[in-house]
Amino acid sequence: MLWLDDVEDYIRDDGLEPALLSGLVDQRVVVLATLRDEQVDRFQRRSSSQATPEAPYSSLTNLGARVLNMAEQIRLDRMWSRTELNRAEELGDPGLEEALRHRGDYGIAEYLGAGPALLDEMNRACRASGNPRGHAYVRAAVDLHRAGLLEIPFAAIEELHLTYLKKIPGSRPEPAAEAFTWATRIHYGATGMINPVGVDSVAWRPFDYLVEHFDRDEQSVHPDTWAIVCRYVQHDFHLYLVGSLAATFGEGDVAESIWRPLADAGNADALFRLALLQSRQENSTESEDLLRRAADLGHEDAPYGLGLLLREQGRLQECEVQWQRAAIEGNAEAAYGLSKILHEQGRIVEAETWLRASAEDSHVEALYTLGVLLAKRRQYRESERWLWLAVHQRVDEAEELLETVIRLREVARDIEDLRNEARKGDWEAAFALAEILIALDDVKEAEHWLNQAAYAGHPESTLRYGIILSVVHENHKGGEPWLRRAANAGSTEATYWLGLNLGMQKRGRESLQLITLAAQAGHPAAAEHLRNLPEP
């Protein structure tokens, strides 16, 4: 296969011409070539009558037309199909992901192909023999866009570009018309550095790739930009967003100067953001006043923010009122915070109500906390449900607890099966049930089943019941007959434990005899006990 990218560069008398192409085809070489639409138009002017003053008819044009006539032409649309976009999304390539997010009115190819070349050309334009004014136009457009002016009048670009022009040392700026042409013309057959919005070209916007470049590098917006943007913004909500962008860029004073008049006019969003700004400046009194005004105007996040401020000041009763107000409106964070306050006060039922409300709104910490609470109550199936949701929200602790809860639920199912068998008189099941219950620290029910099985003569239950009476309850006299019964049945373990039991009753001679018998029968703990006895 022979690949000829930008095939127009190869079409000439001593390069790619019909005879050479025929020879390649005869040799079974696949020739694959690409060229842009404007080059197709150029080569398909096959007579001087189709020529234009800009592109006169030539032998090269005729040669290109003959080469194209030999080719099977496959048109690739500049805008990708939905299927192609889906495949690109599945690849997980960072460059493609960025292009997919910002392709806008352009194609993926324009964004990926023209973007880096345009950026390089813009940077090289700063030199004295380049296009410094055009460069300043582009930089001004980029910053105006980053500051929130999405449809930019060229007058705004003209005003701000002087700031950037002054920063280019020794520049000899080209005329404004030439700079405008350079910045707005189509480069690489794809896009301009600054492009018209709509068809009437009364507003402009920079190519998205250039904007993304400065955002990725986290370069600040020039301070002169904000005042110009504010003059061209016409709606309060847009102005509020410009203030938010200024705050994002660390321009707190600019943000405050934008939000303050809006707040005074009763804009709830501006009141809320101004309150947060004052809070960061540790001006809690004004912050509280602004939050209360925003809450009274119906701002959905203001009651929660006010509650946070009140909690930091130890005013928990007032915090509770605000968080309950926010939680009723569906604020999951407020519901979770409220549940913690109520739990600390011992108001468990109310606390769980708000905890559930927060979890149902997918609050991450609430999902996990509710899962833990239900697991402690042994409500494993319901606990499992909430922990699954927490795992999906990437709560690391939830995954380990979920595995434990699943095992406990399976054990609980086994316990119920064993309990049913024990009720029918299956004493092996009763003993197995008691062992599981002891492992779960439920000694009371375990003792019940051991008692039943011991009375029925089950040997292991007899021994275990005697040990529980002797060790757990320290009822040595009560445990003695059960241990003796098990020892008489031939249990070395019972002989050892009976010896210990009698020792606790100060019956030393009998105790020593029994422990010695257990040791002689190979019981390791009995042998260790004898070795640790003091010399006579």
Protein backbone atom coordinates (compact mmCIF):
# COMPACT_ATOMS: atom_id res chain seq x y z
CA MET A 1 0.00 0.00 0.00
CA LEU A 2 1.18 3.49 -0.85
CA TRP A 3 -0.28 6.26 1.32
CA LEU A 4 -0.19 9.80 -0.09
CA ASP A 5 -1.47 12.32 2.46
CA ASP A 6 -2.28 15.70 0.87
CA VAL A 7 -1.92 14.14 -2.57
CA GLU A 8 -1.77 17.55 -4.28
CA ASP A 9 1.86 17.79 -3.08
CA TYR A 10 2.76 14.74 -5.23
CA ILE A 11 0.93 15.59 -8.49
CA ARG A 12 3.50 16.91 -10.97
CA ASP A 13 5.18 15.84 -14.22
CA ASP A 14 8.06 14.14 -12.40
CA GLY A 15 5.83 12.82 -9.58
CA LEU A 16 2.39 11.26 -9.48
CA GLU A 17 0.95 11.29 -13.01
CA PRO A 18 -1.39 8.89 -14.87
CA ALA A 19 1.33 6.64 -16.32
CA LEU A 20 3.00 6.12 -12.94
CA LEU A 21 -0.36 5.50 -11.28
CA SER A 22 -1.25 2.89 -13.92
CA GLY A 23 2.08 1.17 -13.35
CA LEU A 24 1.50 1.01 -9.60
CA VAL A 25 -1.97 -0.47 -10.14
CA ASP A 26 -0.51 -3.07 -12.54
CA GLN A 27 1.95 -4.06 -9.81
CA ARG A 28 -1.07 -4.61 -7.46
CA VAL A 29 -0.08 -1.66 -5.26
CA VAL A 30 -3.02 -0.09 -3.45
CA VAL A 31 -2.69 3.70 -3.66
CA LEU A 32 -4.58 5.53 -0.94
CA ALA A 33 -4.61 9.34 -1.00
CA THR A 34 -6.32 12.23 0.77
CA LEU A 35 -7.01 15.80 -0.26
CA ARG A 36 -9.34 18.58 0.83
CA ASP A 37 -12.42 19.82 -1.01
CA GLU A 38 -10.78 23.01 -2.26
CA GLN A 39 -8.06 20.93 -3.96
CA VAL A 40 -10.69 18.74 -5.60
CA ASP A 41 -12.32 21.91 -6.97
CA ARG A 42 -8.94 23.14 -8.20
CA PHE A 43 -8.08 19.98 -10.12
CA GLN A 44 -11.51 19.51 -11.62
CA ARG A 45 -11.24 22.80 -13.57
CA ARG A 46 -10.45 20.97 -16.78
CA SER A 47 -10.53 23.85 -19.25
CA SER A 48 -9.49 27.46 -19.34
CA SER A 49 -13.17 28.43 -19.42
CA GLN A 50 -13.46 27.18 -15.82
CA ALA A 51 -10.39 29.03 -14.63
CA THR A 52 -10.54 32.05 -12.34
CA PRO A 53 -8.13 34.98 -12.02
CA GLU A 54 -6.98 33.56 -8.68
CA ALA A 55 -6.46 30.05 -10.05
CA PRO A 56 -5.69 30.16 -13.79
CA TYR A 57 -5.93 27.06 -15.88
CA SER A 58 -2.59 25.20 -16.08
CA SER A 59 -1.11 21.92 -17.20
CA LEU A 60 -0.80 20.97 -13.52
CA THR A 61 -4.54 21.39 -13.09
CA ASN A 62 -5.13 19.17 -16.10
CA LEU A 63 -2.70 16.59 -14.72
CA GLY A 64 -4.50 16.58 -11.36
CA ALA A 65 -7.87 16.19 -13.05
CA ARG A 66 -6.63 13.13 -15.01
CA VAL A 67 -5.26 11.53 -11.81
CA LEU A 68 -8.55 12.10 -9.97
CA ASN A 69 -10.51 10.61 -12.88
CA MET A 70 -8.59 7.36 -12.36
CA ALA A 71 -9.49 7.22 -8.65
CA GLU A 72 -12.49 5.87 -6.82
CA GLN A 73 -13.42 8.86 -4.69
CA ILE A 74 -14.77 8.30 -1.18
CA ARG A 75 -16.16 11.38 0.51
CA LEU A 76 -15.53 11.73 4.23
CA ASP A 77 -18.01 14.08 5.87
CA ARG A 78 -16.38 16.62 8.19
CA MET A 79 -19.09 16.03 10.83
CA TRP A 80 -18.88 12.53 12.28
CA SER A 81 -21.91 10.26 12.43
CA ARG A 82 -23.47 9.30 15.75
CA THR A 83 -21.99 5.80 15.39
CA GLU A 84 -18.50 7.23 14.86
CA LEU A 85 -18.89 9.54 17.86
CA ASN A 86 -20.01 6.61 20.01
CA ARG A 87 -16.96 4.58 19.00
CA ALA A 88 -14.71 7.54 19.81
CA GLU A 89 -16.30 7.84 23.27
CA GLU A 90 -15.60 4.16 23.97
CA LEU A 91 -11.85 4.50 23.29
CA GLY A 92 -11.12 6.54 26.44
CA ASP A 93 -8.44 8.59 24.65
CA PRO A 94 -7.91 11.95 26.49
CA GLY A 95 -7.41 13.92 23.27
CA LEU A 96 -10.55 12.48 21.71
CA GLU A 97 -12.54 13.05 24.90
CA GLU A 98 -11.58 16.73 24.87
CA ALA A 99 -12.47 17.01 21.17
CA LEU A 100 -15.84 15.35 21.79
CA ARG A 101 -16.63 17.81 24.59
CA HIS A 102 -15.66 20.93 22.67
CA ARG A 103 -16.20 20.14 19.00
CA GLY A 104 -19.22 22.52 18.92
CA ASP A 105 -19.87 23.67 15.37
CA TYR A 106 -16.60 22.14 14.18
CA GLY A 107 -15.77 18.55 13.45
CA ILE A 108 -13.55 16.26 15.50
CA ALA A 109 -10.88 16.44 12.78
CA GLU A 110 -10.84 20.26 12.85
CA TYR A 111 -10.40 20.26 16.60
CA LEU A 112 -7.65 17.65 16.68
CA GLY A 113 -5.92 18.56 13.43
CA ALA A 114 -6.21 22.33 13.15
CA GLY A 115 -6.06 23.11 16.88
CA PRO A 116 -2.36 22.50 17.57
CA ALA A 117 -1.35 24.08 14.24
CA LEU A 118 -3.44 27.20 14.95
CA LEU A 119 -1.96 27.51 18.43
CA ASP A 120 1.56 27.26 17.03
CA GLU A 121 0.80 29.84 14.35
CA MET A 122 -0.75 32.20 16.90
CA ASN A 123 2.34 32.00 19.11
CA ARG A 124 4.72 32.60 16.20
CA ALA A 125 2.73 35.65 15.13
CA CYS A 126 4.22 37.69 18.02
CA ARG A 127 7.47 38.33 16.16
CA ALA A 128 8.06 41.72 14.56
CA SER A 129 7.72 40.35 11.04
CA GLY A 130 4.64 38.35 11.95
CA ASN A 131 1.14 39.45 12.88
CA PRO A 132 1.47 40.93 16.39
CA ARG A 133 -1.82 42.82 16.18
CA GLY A 134 -3.56 39.69 14.91
CA HIS A 135 -2.03 37.78 17.82
CA ALA A 136 -3.36 40.45 20.22
CA TYR A 137 -6.82 40.17 18.63
CA VAL A 138 -6.85 36.41 19.26
CA ARG A 139 -5.56 36.70 22.85
CA ALA A 140 -8.19 39.36 23.60
CA ALA A 141 -10.95 37.18 22.16
CA VAL A 142 -9.77 34.18 24.18
CA ASP A 143 -9.77 36.09 27.49
CA LEU A 144 -13.11 37.77 26.81
CA HIS A 145 -14.58 34.31 26.17
CA ARG A 146 -12.98 32.86 29.32
CA ALA A 147 -14.41 35.77 31.31
CA GLY A 148 -17.94 34.89 30.19
CA LEU A 149 -18.55 36.93 27.02
CA LEU A 150 -19.56 34.10 24.68
CA GLU A 151 -20.71 36.23 21.74
CA ILE A 152 -18.10 38.97 21.49
CA PRO A 153 -18.63 42.27 19.66
CA PHE A 154 -15.50 43.12 17.70
CA ALA A 155 -15.43 46.49 19.47
CA ALA A 156 -14.65 44.62 22.72
CA ILE A 157 -11.78 42.77 21.01
CA GLU A 158 -10.49 46.08 19.60
CA GLU A 159 -10.54 47.67 23.05
CA LEU A 160 -8.81 44.84 24.92
CA HIS A 161 -6.25 43.92 22.25
CA LEU A 162 -4.23 47.07 22.97
CA THR A 163 -3.39 45.63 26.40
CA TYR A 164 -1.78 42.58 24.78
CA LEU A 165 -0.14 44.57 22.03
CA LYS A 166 1.77 46.60 24.63
CA LYS A 167 3.17 43.39 26.09
CA ILE A 168 4.88 42.37 22.82
CA PRO A 169 8.37 43.94 22.92
CA GLY A 170 9.60 45.67 19.78
CA SER A 171 6.48 44.84 17.81
CA ARG A 172 5.62 46.68 14.65
CA PRO A 173 1.91 45.94 14.43
CA GLU A 174 0.36 45.43 11.05
CA PRO A 175 -2.70 47.47 9.96
CA ALA A 176 -5.97 46.59 11.70
CA ALA A 177 -7.60 45.32 8.49
CA GLU A 178 -4.69 42.95 7.81
CA ALA A 179 -4.76 41.73 11.43
CA PHE A 180 -8.51 41.14 11.26
CA THR A 181 -8.15 39.17 8.02
CA TRP A 182 -5.35 37.02 9.48
CA ALA A 183 -7.24 36.27 12.71
CA THR A 184 -10.56 35.44 11.05
CA ARG A 185 -9.57 33.70 7.82
CA ILE A 186 -10.00 29.95 7.46
CA HIS A 187 -6.73 28.17 8.25
CA TYR A 188 -5.89 24.65 7.03
CA GLY A 189 -9.26 24.35 5.34
CA ALA A 190 -10.87 23.95 8.75
CA THR A 191 -11.47 27.00 10.94
CA GLY A 192 -10.33 30.48 11.86
CA MET A 193 -8.71 31.55 15.10
CA ILE A 194 -11.70 33.84 15.61
CA ASN A 195 -14.97 32.74 14.01
CA PRO A 196 -18.26 34.53 13.39
CA VAL A 197 -21.30 33.60 15.46
CA GLY A 198 -24.25 33.09 13.12
CA VAL A 199 -24.39 34.34 9.56
CA ASP A 200 -24.30 38.12 9.97
CA SER A 201 -20.82 38.29 11.65
CA VAL A 202 -21.84 40.87 14.25
CA ALA A 203 -20.39 38.74 17.06
CA TRP A 204 -17.30 36.56 17.26
CA ARG A 205 -15.83 33.77 19.34
CA PRO A 206 -12.37 32.17 19.45
CA PHE A 207 -11.72 28.62 18.30
CA ASP A 208 -12.42 26.32 21.25
CA TYR A 209 -9.03 24.60 21.11
CA LEU A 210 -7.28 27.91 21.86
CA VAL A 211 -9.56 28.58 24.82
CA GLU A 212 -8.92 25.08 26.17
CA HIS A 213 -5.17 25.58 25.86
CA PHE A 214 -5.18 28.59 28.20
CA ASP A 215 -7.61 26.86 30.56
CA ARG A 216 -5.39 23.76 30.73
CA ASP A 217 -2.36 25.89 31.53
CA GLU A 218 -4.45 27.69 34.20
CA GLN A 219 -3.34 31.03 32.86
CA SER A 220 -5.13 33.95 34.49
CA VAL A 221 -7.41 36.34 32.64
CA HIS A 222 -5.95 39.83 32.23
CA PRO A 223 -7.44 42.18 34.90
CA ASP A 224 -8.57 44.69 32.23
CA THR A 225 -10.90 42.03 30.80
CA TRP A 226 -13.55 42.10 33.52
CA ALA A 227 -14.59 45.74 33.18
CA ILE A 228 -14.94 45.36 29.41
CA VAL A 229 -17.03 42.21 29.77
CA CYS A 230 -19.35 43.87 32.30
CA ARG A 231 -20.02 46.72 29.89
CA TYR A 232 -21.21 44.32 27.18
CA VAL A 233 -23.29 42.02 29.41
CA GLN A 234 -26.98 42.92 29.31
CA HIS A 235 -28.73 40.54 31.74
CA ASP A 236 -28.38 40.21 35.51
CA PHE A 237 -28.04 36.43 35.38
CA HIS A 238 -25.23 36.71 32.83
CA LEU A 239 -23.55 39.31 35.01
CA TYR A 240 -23.86 36.97 38.01
CA LEU A 241 -22.10 34.24 36.01
CA VAL A 242 -19.29 36.64 35.10
CA GLY A 243 -18.82 37.29 38.83
CA SER A 244 -18.67 33.52 39.41
CA LEU A 245 -15.95 33.18 36.78
CA ALA A 246 -14.00 36.02 38.38
CA ALA A 247 -14.18 34.19 41.72
CA THR A 248 -12.96 31.02 40.02
CA PHE A 249 -9.93 32.90 38.71
CA GLY A 250 -9.20 34.15 42.24
CA GLU A 251 -10.45 37.69 41.57
CA GLY A 252 -12.48 38.05 44.77
CA ASP A 253 -12.58 41.84 44.64
CA VAL A 254 -13.87 41.76 41.04
CA ALA A 255 -16.50 39.19 41.97
CA GLU A 256 -17.65 41.28 44.92
CA SER A 257 -17.89 44.45 42.82
CA ILE A 258 -20.11 42.56 40.36
CA TRP A 259 -22.29 40.77 42.92
CA ARG A 260 -22.79 43.65 45.36
CA PRO A 261 -25.17 45.74 43.18
CA LEU A 262 -27.07 42.57 42.21
CA ALA A 263 -27.41 41.60 45.88
CA ASP A 264 -28.66 45.07 46.80
CA ALA A 265 -31.29 44.68 44.07
CA GLY A 266 -32.50 41.39 45.63
CA ASN A 267 -30.74 38.80 43.45
CA ALA A 268 -30.77 35.63 45.58
CA ASP A 269 -27.87 33.97 43.74
CA ALA A 270 -25.67 37.02 44.18
CA LEU A 271 -26.63 37.27 47.87
CA PHE A 272 -25.64 33.63 48.41
CA ARG A 273 -22.29 33.82 46.60
CA LEU A 274 -21.47 37.14 48.26
CA ALA A 275 -22.22 35.53 51.65
CA LEU A 276 -19.76 32.71 50.91
CA LEU A 277 -17.16 35.26 49.90
CA GLN A 278 -17.65 37.16 53.17
CA SER A 279 -17.48 33.92 55.12
CA ARG A 280 -14.09 33.08 53.59
CA GLN A 281 -12.98 36.56 54.65
CA GLU A 282 -14.17 35.66 58.19
CA ASN A 283 -16.86 38.34 58.12
CA SER A 284 -19.45 36.06 59.77
CA THR A 285 -21.92 38.80 60.76
CA GLU A 286 -22.43 40.07 57.22
CA SER A 287 -22.33 36.53 55.86
CA GLU A 288 -25.18 35.52 58.19
CA ASP A 289 -27.26 38.55 57.17
CA LEU A 290 -26.72 37.84 53.46
CA LEU A 291 -27.60 34.16 53.86
CA ARG A 292 -30.81 34.98 55.73
CA ARG A 293 -31.84 37.38 52.96
CA ALA A 294 -31.04 34.79 50.30
CA ALA A 295 -33.01 32.13 52.21
CA ASP A 296 -36.01 34.44 52.56
CA LEU A 297 -35.88 34.98 48.77
CA GLY A 298 -36.06 31.21 48.26
CA HIS A 299 -32.46 30.33 47.43
CA GLU A 300 -32.35 26.54 47.81
CA ASP A 301 -28.80 26.32 49.23
CA ALA A 302 -28.95 29.32 51.57
CA PRO A 303 -30.62 27.56 54.55
CA TYR A 304 -27.97 24.83 54.49
CA GLY A 305 -25.15 27.40 54.26
CA LEU A 306 -26.70 29.39 57.09
CA GLY A 307 -26.94 26.21 59.18
CA LEU A 308 -23.23 25.55 58.65
CA LEU A 309 -22.39 29.05 59.85
CA LEU A 310 -24.62 28.67 62.93
CA ARG A 311 -23.16 25.26 63.78
CA GLU A 312 -19.62 26.68 63.69
CA GLN A 313 -20.79 29.26 66.25
CA GLY A 314 -22.28 26.54 68.47
CA ARG A 315 -25.87 27.69 67.85
CA LEU A 316 -27.15 24.15 67.31
CA GLN A 317 -30.85 24.85 67.94
CA GLU A 318 -30.89 27.55 65.25
CA CYS A 319 -28.81 25.31 62.97
CA GLU A 320 -31.38 22.54 63.39
CA VAL A 321 -34.18 24.88 62.29
CA GLN A 322 -32.31 25.93 59.13
CA TRP A 323 -31.21 22.41 58.20
CA GLN A 324 -34.71 21.07 58.69
CA ARG A 325 -35.95 23.82 56.39
CA ALA A 326 -33.36 22.85 53.78
CA ALA A 327 -33.96 19.11 54.20
CA ILE A 328 -37.70 19.52 53.64
CA GLU A 329 -36.81 21.20 50.34
CA GLY A 330 -34.76 18.13 49.38
CA ASN A 331 -31.23 19.14 50.37
CA ALA A 332 -29.52 15.78 51.05
CA GLU A 333 -26.48 17.36 52.70
CA ALA A 334 -28.72 19.21 55.16
CA ALA A 335 -30.70 16.04 55.90
CA TYR A 336 -27.50 14.15 56.69
CA GLY A 337 -26.15 16.96 58.89
CA LEU A 338 -29.48 17.16 60.68
CA SER A 339 -29.43 13.40 61.36
CA LYS A 340 -26.01 13.74 63.03
CA ILE A 341 -27.15 16.60 65.28
CA LEU A 342 -30.27 14.69 66.34
CA HIS A 343 -28.29 11.49 66.97
CA GLU A 344 -25.88 13.37 69.23
CA GLN A 345 -28.90 14.59 71.22
CA GLY A 346 -30.23 11.04 71.60
CA ARG A 347 -33.23 11.65 69.32
CA ILE A 348 -32.65 8.37 67.51
CA VAL A 349 -35.97 7.97 65.68
CA GLU A 350 -35.86 11.50 64.22
CA ALA A 351 -32.20 11.05 63.33
CA GLU A 352 -32.88 7.86 61.39
CA THR A 353 -35.77 9.50 59.53
CA TRP A 354 -33.51 12.21 58.14
CA LEU A 355 -30.66 9.75 57.57
CA ARG A 356 -32.96 7.68 55.36
CA ALA A 357 -34.14 10.80 53.53
CA SER A 358 -30.54 11.74 52.79
CA ALA A 359 -29.67 8.20 51.65
CA GLU A 360 -32.69 8.10 49.35
CA ASP A 361 -31.24 11.21 47.68
CA SER A 362 -27.98 9.23 47.16
CA HIS A 363 -25.91 11.17 49.69
CA VAL A 364 -22.68 9.13 49.81
CA GLU A 365 -21.99 9.31 53.56
CA ALA A 366 -25.66 8.70 54.38
CA LEU A 367 -25.70 5.53 52.25
CA TYR A 368 -22.76 4.08 54.15
CA THR A 369 -23.91 5.27 57.60
CA LEU A 370 -27.38 3.78 57.12
CA GLY A 371 -25.82 0.51 55.95
CA VAL A 372 -23.70 0.37 59.13
CA LEU A 373 -26.69 1.18 61.36
CA LEU A 374 -28.82 -1.59 59.87
CA ALA A 375 -25.96 -4.11 60.03
CA LYS A 376 -25.60 -3.43 63.78
CA ARG A 377 -29.31 -4.24 64.14
CA ARG A 378 -28.77 -7.46 62.15
CA GLN A 379 -31.10 -6.21 59.43
CA TYR A 380 -28.65 -7.62 56.93
CA ARG A 381 -30.79 -7.70 53.83
CA GLU A 382 -31.71 -4.00 54.06
CA SER A 383 -28.16 -3.09 55.10
CA GLU A 384 -26.88 -4.88 52.01
CA ARG A 385 -29.09 -2.73 49.76
CA TRP A 386 -27.69 0.58 51.04
CA LEU A 387 -24.10 -0.67 51.09
CA TRP A 388 -24.41 -1.76 47.45
CA LEU A 389 -25.39 1.80 46.58
CA ALA A 390 -22.46 3.14 48.61
CA VAL A 391 -20.07 0.83 46.72
CA HIS A 392 -21.40 2.20 43.42
CA GLN A 393 -20.61 5.68 44.75
CA ARG A 394 -17.00 4.49 45.32
CA VAL A 395 -17.04 4.46 49.13
CA ASP A 396 -13.99 2.30 49.90
CA GLU A 397 -15.09 1.23 53.39
CA ALA A 398 -18.46 0.09 52.08
CA GLU A 399 -17.04 -2.72 49.94
CA GLU A 400 -15.38 -4.53 52.85
CA LEU A 401 -18.42 -4.10 55.10
CA LEU A 402 -20.70 -5.31 52.31
CA GLU A 403 -18.77 -8.58 52.08
CA THR A 404 -19.13 -9.04 55.84
CA VAL A 405 -22.86 -8.28 55.74
CA ILE A 406 -23.40 -10.78 52.92
CA ARG A 407 -21.63 -13.47 54.96
CA LEU A 408 -23.65 -12.55 58.05
CA ARG A 409 -26.88 -12.71 56.05
CA GLU A 410 -25.94 -16.18 54.85
CA VAL A 411 -25.12 -17.16 58.45
CA ALA A 412 -28.47 -15.75 59.59
CA ARG A 413 -30.19 -17.92 57.00
CA ASP A 414 -28.22 -20.94 58.26
CA ILE A 415 -29.19 -20.07 61.84
CA GLU A 416 -32.88 -20.04 60.95
CA ASP A 417 -32.58 -23.42 59.21
CA LEU A 418 -30.74 -24.90 62.22
CA ARG A 419 -33.27 -23.39 64.60
CA ASN A 420 -36.13 -25.07 62.74
CA GLU A 421 -34.29 -28.43 62.87
CA ALA A 422 -33.51 -28.02 66.58
CA ARG A 423 -37.17 -27.36 67.34
CA LYS A 424 -37.93 -30.73 65.77
CA GLY A 425 -35.50 -32.46 68.17
CA ASP A 426 -32.40 -32.65 65.99
CA TRP A 427 -29.78 -32.23 68.74
CA GLU A 428 -26.84 -32.17 66.30
CA ALA A 429 -28.53 -29.13 64.73
CA ALA A 430 -29.08 -27.65 68.20
CA PHE A 431 -25.38 -28.05 69.01
CA ALA A 432 -24.29 -26.52 65.66
CA LEU A 433 -26.73 -23.64 66.23
CA ALA A 434 -25.30 -23.00 69.69
CA GLU A 435 -21.72 -22.90 68.32
CA ILE A 436 -22.68 -20.25 65.74
CA LEU A 437 -24.56 -18.20 68.34
CA ILE A 438 -21.56 -18.26 70.69
CA ALA A 439 -19.36 -16.96 67.85
CA LEU A 440 -21.88 -14.12 67.40
CA ASP A 441 -21.82 -13.38 71.19
CA ASP A 442 -25.43 -14.50 71.62
CA VAL A 443 -24.64 -16.68 74.62
CA LYS A 444 -28.15 -16.56 76.07
CA GLU A 445 -29.85 -18.36 73.16
CA ALA A 446 -26.84 -20.66 72.74
CA GLU A 447 -27.18 -21.72 76.38
CA HIS A 448 -30.88 -22.48 75.85
CA TRP A 449 -30.17 -24.93 73.00
CA LEU A 450 -27.20 -26.51 74.80
CA ASN A 451 -29.40 -27.07 77.83
CA GLN A 452 -32.06 -28.77 75.72
CA ALA A 453 -29.54 -30.97 73.92
CA ALA A 454 -27.65 -31.83 77.14
CA TYR A 455 -30.85 -33.02 78.84
CA ALA A 456 -31.47 -35.14 75.75
CA GLY A 457 -28.02 -36.75 76.22
CA HIS A 458 -26.11 -35.15 73.36
CA PRO A 459 -22.46 -35.59 74.46
CA GLU A 460 -20.89 -32.46 72.92
CA SER A 461 -23.73 -30.32 74.24
CA THR A 462 -23.33 -31.82 77.72
CA LEU A 463 -19.66 -30.84 77.78
CA ARG A 464 -20.27 -27.35 76.33
CA TYR A 465 -23.14 -26.65 78.72
CA GLY A 466 -20.99 -27.67 81.69
CA ILE A 467 -18.17 -25.36 80.51
CA ILE A 468 -20.58 -22.39 80.11
CA LEU A 469 -21.96 -22.86 83.62
CA SER A 470 -18.48 -23.21 85.10
CA VAL A 471 -16.64 -20.51 83.14
CA VAL A 472 -19.17 -17.95 81.93
CA HIS A 473 -21.45 -18.01 84.97
CA GLU A 474 -18.78 -19.23 87.48
CA ASN A 475 -21.41 -21.71 88.73
CA HIS A 476 -18.95 -24.50 89.50
CA LYS A 477 -21.38 -26.66 91.46
CA GLY A 478 -24.01 -26.30 88.71
CA GLY A 479 -21.50 -27.21 85.99
CA GLU A 480 -19.97 -30.18 87.84
CA PRO A 481 -22.72 -32.80 87.11
CA TRP A 482 -22.74 -31.97 83.39
CA LEU A 483 -18.96 -32.19 83.13
CA ARG A 484 -18.93 -35.42 85.13
CA ARG A 485 -21.57 -36.91 82.85
CA ALA A 486 -19.46 -36.08 79.80
CA ALA A 487 -16.27 -37.40 81.47
CA ASN A 488 -18.00 -40.68 82.42
CA ALA A 489 -18.97 -40.98 78.75
CA GLY A 490 -15.23 -41.11 77.92
CA SER A 491 -14.46 -37.48 76.96
CA THR A 492 -10.85 -36.55 77.76
CA GLU A 493 -11.78 -32.89 77.26
CA ALA A 494 -14.53 -33.24 79.89
CA THR A 495 -12.09 -34.95 82.30
CA TYR A 496 -9.72 -31.97 82.01
CA TRP A 497 -12.49 -29.37 82.48
CA LEU A 498 -13.96 -31.31 85.41
CA GLY A 499 -10.52 -31.25 87.04
CA LEU A 500 -10.38 -27.48 86.62
CA ASN A 501 -13.91 -27.17 88.00
CA LEU A 502 -13.06 -29.16 91.15
CA GLY A 503 -9.90 -27.12 91.61
CA MET A 504 -12.03 -23.98 91.73
CA GLN A 505 -14.09 -25.68 94.44
CA LYS A 506 -10.89 -26.23 96.51
CA ARG A 507 -11.06 -29.99 95.96
CA GLY A 508 -7.38 -30.22 95.09
CA ARG A 509 -6.77 -33.99 95.33
CA GLU A 510 -9.68 -34.88 93.02
CA SER A 511 -8.74 -32.05 90.69
CA LEU A 512 -5.12 -33.27 90.36
CA GLN A 513 -6.21 -36.86 89.76
CA LEU A 514 -8.54 -35.89 86.91
CA ILE A 515 -6.08 -33.52 85.22
CA THR A 516 -3.38 -36.22 85.47
CA LEU A 517 -5.74 -38.74 83.82
CA ALA A 518 -6.41 -36.23 80.99
CA ALA A 519 -2.68 -35.61 80.54
CA GLN A 520 -1.96 -39.37 80.41
CA ALA A 521 -4.66 -39.63 77.73
CA GLY A 522 -2.72 -37.06 75.63
CA HIS A 523 -4.61 -33.86 76.40
CA PRO A 524 -2.01 -31.08 75.73
CA ALA A 525 -3.57 -28.41 77.98
CA ALA A 526 -3.70 -30.89 80.88
CA ALA A 527 -0.02 -31.75 80.39
CA GLU A 528 0.88 -28.04 80.27
CA HIS A 529 -1.14 -27.50 83.48
CA LEU A 530 0.86 -30.19 85.30
CA ARG A 531 4.17 -28.76 84.13
CA ASN A 532 3.23 -25.36 85.54
CA LEU A 533 2.33 -26.69 89.00
CA PRO A 534 4.78 -25.67 91.78
CA GLU A 535 7.22 -28.29 93.08
CA PRO A 536 5.89 -30.23 96.18
